[in-house]
Amino acid sequence: MKVDQNAIIRIDYNAADLPPSAKKYKPILFREGNLICCLLGNDPRDGIFGCGSTLSEAIKDWDADFKRHKTMPHS
């Protein structure tokens, strides 16, 4: 997925309120319409993805998807 450079949101990945998964893997954050999205991987379908109306909501949603992926059995 090609994200428009103007849509990317830069954050401090060392911020105290970030979950450890976001600090370690540094997903990209970007604006998509009225939403803020958070992505690790090539695209939302195959990667780890979350969205929300705020930065905090997007990262929280992404972290929940990260945890789901982490607990999925590998084939």
N, C-alpha and C. Protein backbone atom coordinates (compact mmCIF):
# COMPACT_ATOMS: atom_id res chain seq x y z
N MET A 1 0.86 -1.18 0.00
CA MET A 1 0.00 0.00 0.00
C MET A 1 0.89 1.23 0.00
N LYS A 2 0.66 2.08 -0.93
CA LYS A 2 1.42 3.33 -1.02
C LYS A 2 0.67 4.40 -0.26
N VAL A 3 1.30 4.91 0.80
CA VAL A 3 0.69 5.97 1.61
C VAL A 3 1.25 7.31 1.17
N ASP A 4 0.35 8.25 0.92
CA ASP A 4 0.75 9.61 0.55
C ASP A 4 1.60 10.21 1.67
N GLN A 5 2.76 10.69 1.33
CA GLN A 5 3.69 11.26 2.33
C GLN A 5 3.05 12.40 3.11
N ASN A 6 2.13 13.13 2.49
CA ASN A 6 1.45 14.23 3.18
C ASN A 6 0.45 13.75 4.22
N ALA A 7 0.05 12.49 4.13
CA ALA A 7 -0.93 11.93 5.07
C ALA A 7 -0.26 11.31 6.31
N ILE A 8 1.04 11.07 6.22
CA ILE A 8 1.75 10.40 7.32
C ILE A 8 1.81 11.30 8.55
N ILE A 9 1.57 10.69 9.70
CA ILE A 9 1.63 11.39 10.98
C ILE A 9 2.88 10.90 11.70
N ARG A 10 3.74 11.81 12.04
CA ARG A 10 4.97 11.45 12.75
C ARG A 10 4.70 11.49 14.25
N ILE A 11 5.15 10.45 14.94
CA ILE A 11 4.97 10.39 16.39
C ILE A 11 6.27 10.01 17.07
N ASP A 12 6.32 10.20 18.37
CA ASP A 12 7.46 9.78 19.18
C ASP A 12 7.20 8.35 19.62
N TYR A 13 7.92 7.41 19.04
CA TYR A 13 7.72 5.99 19.36
C TYR A 13 8.24 5.64 20.75
N ASN A 14 8.87 6.57 21.42
CA ASN A 14 9.34 6.34 22.79
C ASN A 14 8.38 6.91 23.83
N ALA A 15 7.25 7.46 23.38
CA ALA A 15 6.29 8.06 24.30
C ALA A 15 5.81 7.03 25.32
N ALA A 16 5.66 7.48 26.54
CA ALA A 16 5.29 6.59 27.66
C ALA A 16 3.93 5.92 27.46
N ASP A 17 3.00 6.59 26.75
CA ASP A 17 1.65 6.03 26.62
C ASP A 17 1.48 5.06 25.45
N LEU A 18 2.54 4.79 24.70
CA LEU A 18 2.44 3.82 23.60
C LEU A 18 2.57 2.40 24.13
N PRO A 19 1.81 1.47 23.55
CA PRO A 19 1.98 0.07 23.94
C PRO A 19 3.36 -0.44 23.49
N PRO A 20 3.91 -1.41 24.20
CA PRO A 20 5.23 -1.95 23.84
C PRO A 20 5.33 -2.43 22.39
N SER A 21 4.24 -2.97 21.86
CA SER A 21 4.26 -3.46 20.47
C SER A 21 4.52 -2.31 19.49
N ALA A 22 3.89 -1.15 19.71
CA ALA A 22 4.09 0.00 18.83
C ALA A 22 5.49 0.58 18.98
N LYS A 23 6.01 0.57 20.21
CA LYS A 23 7.38 1.06 20.43
C LYS A 23 8.38 0.20 19.69
N LYS A 24 8.17 -1.11 19.71
CA LYS A 24 9.12 -2.04 19.10
C LYS A 24 9.01 -2.08 17.58
N TYR A 25 7.80 -2.15 17.05
CA TYR A 25 7.62 -2.37 15.61
C TYR A 25 7.38 -1.09 14.79
N LYS A 26 7.08 0.03 15.47
CA LYS A 26 6.94 1.34 14.82
C LYS A 26 6.05 1.31 13.57
N PRO A 27 4.76 1.02 13.75
CA PRO A 27 3.85 1.04 12.60
C PRO A 27 3.71 2.46 12.05
N ILE A 28 3.35 2.55 10.79
CA ILE A 28 3.14 3.86 10.16
C ILE A 28 1.74 4.36 10.54
N LEU A 29 1.63 5.63 10.83
CA LEU A 29 0.34 6.26 11.11
C LEU A 29 0.04 7.26 10.01
N PHE A 30 -1.22 7.27 9.56
CA PHE A 30 -1.58 8.18 8.48
C PHE A 30 -3.07 8.52 8.52
N ARG A 31 -3.40 9.63 7.91
CA ARG A 31 -4.81 10.06 7.81
C ARG A 31 -5.44 9.41 6.59
N GLU A 32 -6.65 8.92 6.80
CA GLU A 32 -7.44 8.32 5.73
C GLU A 32 -8.85 8.88 5.88
N GLY A 33 -9.13 9.96 5.17
CA GLY A 33 -10.41 10.65 5.34
C GLY A 33 -10.47 11.25 6.74
N ASN A 34 -11.54 10.92 7.48
CA ASN A 34 -11.69 11.42 8.85
C ASN A 34 -11.02 10.53 9.89
N LEU A 35 -10.43 9.43 9.45
CA LEU A 35 -9.81 8.48 10.37
C LEU A 35 -8.30 8.61 10.41
N ILE A 36 -7.75 8.14 11.50
CA ILE A 36 -6.30 7.96 11.60
C ILE A 36 -6.08 6.46 11.58
N CYS A 37 -5.19 6.01 10.72
CA CYS A 37 -4.93 4.58 10.57
C CYS A 37 -3.50 4.26 10.96
N CYS A 38 -3.31 3.04 11.37
CA CYS A 38 -2.02 2.57 11.86
C CYS A 38 -1.76 1.22 11.17
N LEU A 39 -0.62 1.09 10.50
CA LEU A 39 -0.36 -0.10 9.69
C LEU A 39 1.07 -0.58 9.84
N LEU A 40 1.20 -1.88 10.00
CA LEU A 40 2.50 -2.55 9.94
C LEU A 40 2.35 -3.63 8.88
N GLY A 41 3.06 -3.48 7.78
CA GLY A 41 2.95 -4.44 6.69
C GLY A 41 2.67 -3.73 5.38
N ASN A 42 2.41 -4.53 4.35
CA ASN A 42 2.21 -3.98 3.01
C ASN A 42 0.83 -3.40 2.79
N ASP A 43 -0.19 -3.98 3.42
CA ASP A 43 -1.55 -3.49 3.25
C ASP A 43 -2.40 -3.92 4.44
N PRO A 44 -3.56 -3.28 4.62
CA PRO A 44 -4.40 -3.59 5.78
C PRO A 44 -4.88 -5.04 5.84
N ARG A 45 -5.08 -5.67 4.71
CA ARG A 45 -5.59 -7.05 4.70
C ARG A 45 -4.55 -8.05 5.18
N ASP A 46 -3.32 -7.88 4.75
CA ASP A 46 -2.27 -8.84 5.09
C ASP A 46 -1.40 -8.41 6.26
N GLY A 47 -1.46 -7.13 6.60
CA GLY A 47 -0.62 -6.62 7.68
C GLY A 47 -1.38 -6.53 8.99
N ILE A 48 -0.82 -5.78 9.91
CA ILE A 48 -1.47 -5.50 11.18
C ILE A 48 -1.99 -4.08 11.07
N PHE A 49 -3.29 -3.90 11.32
CA PHE A 49 -3.97 -2.66 10.96
C PHE A 49 -4.95 -2.24 12.03
N GLY A 50 -5.05 -0.94 12.24
CA GLY A 50 -6.06 -0.39 13.15
C GLY A 50 -6.41 1.02 12.73
N CYS A 51 -7.60 1.45 13.08
CA CYS A 51 -8.06 2.81 12.77
C CYS A 51 -8.85 3.37 13.94
N GLY A 52 -8.94 4.67 13.99
CA GLY A 52 -9.74 5.33 14.99
C GLY A 52 -9.88 6.80 14.67
N SER A 53 -10.75 7.48 15.41
CA SER A 53 -10.94 8.90 15.16
C SER A 53 -9.86 9.75 15.80
N THR A 54 -9.09 9.15 16.71
CA THR A 54 -7.96 9.84 17.33
C THR A 54 -6.71 8.98 17.20
N LEU A 55 -5.57 9.59 17.42
CA LEU A 55 -4.30 8.86 17.39
C LEU A 55 -4.32 7.72 18.40
N SER A 56 -4.78 8.03 19.59
CA SER A 56 -4.84 7.04 20.67
C SER A 56 -5.74 5.86 20.30
N GLU A 57 -6.91 6.14 19.73
CA GLU A 57 -7.83 5.07 19.32
C GLU A 57 -7.21 4.21 18.22
N ALA A 58 -6.55 4.84 17.27
CA ALA A 58 -5.94 4.09 16.17
C ALA A 58 -4.85 3.16 16.68
N ILE A 59 -4.02 3.63 17.58
CA ILE A 59 -2.94 2.80 18.12
C ILE A 59 -3.51 1.68 18.99
N LYS A 60 -4.55 1.98 19.76
CA LYS A 60 -5.19 0.95 20.58
C LYS A 60 -5.80 -0.14 19.71
N ASP A 61 -6.46 0.25 18.61
CA ASP A 61 -7.05 -0.70 17.68
C ASP A 61 -5.96 -1.53 17.00
N TRP A 62 -4.87 -0.88 16.61
CA TRP A 62 -3.75 -1.57 15.99
C TRP A 62 -3.15 -2.59 16.97
N ASP A 63 -2.98 -2.19 18.22
CA ASP A 63 -2.41 -3.09 19.23
C ASP A 63 -3.30 -4.32 19.44
N ALA A 64 -4.61 -4.13 19.40
CA ALA A 64 -5.54 -5.26 19.53
C ALA A 64 -5.36 -6.22 18.34
N ASP A 65 -5.20 -5.68 17.13
CA ASP A 65 -4.97 -6.52 15.96
C ASP A 65 -3.61 -7.21 16.06
N PHE A 66 -2.62 -6.51 16.58
CA PHE A 66 -1.29 -7.10 16.79
C PHE A 66 -1.42 -8.32 17.70
N LYS A 67 -2.16 -8.18 18.79
CA LYS A 67 -2.32 -9.29 19.74
C LYS A 67 -3.09 -10.44 19.12
N ARG A 68 -4.08 -10.15 18.26
CA ARG A 68 -4.81 -11.22 17.56
C ARG A 68 -3.86 -11.98 16.64
N HIS A 69 -3.03 -11.27 15.90
CA HIS A 69 -2.07 -11.92 15.00
C HIS A 69 -1.08 -12.76 15.78
N LYS A 70 -0.66 -12.26 16.91
CA LYS A 70 0.34 -12.93 17.74
C LYS A 70 -0.19 -14.27 18.27
N THR A 71 -1.50 -14.35 18.52
CA THR A 71 -2.07 -15.57 19.10
C THR A 71 -2.60 -16.54 18.04
N MET A 72 -2.57 -16.11 16.76
CA MET A 72 -3.05 -17.00 15.69
C MET A 72 -2.05 -18.13 15.47
N PRO A 73 -2.56 -19.35 15.28
CA PRO A 73 -1.63 -20.43 14.96
C PRO A 73 -1.02 -20.23 13.58
N HIS A 74 0.24 -20.51 13.45
CA HIS A 74 0.92 -20.37 12.15
C HIS A 74 0.75 -21.65 11.36
N SER A 75 0.53 -21.50 10.06
CA SER A 75 0.36 -22.70 9.22
C SER A 75 1.64 -23.11 8.57
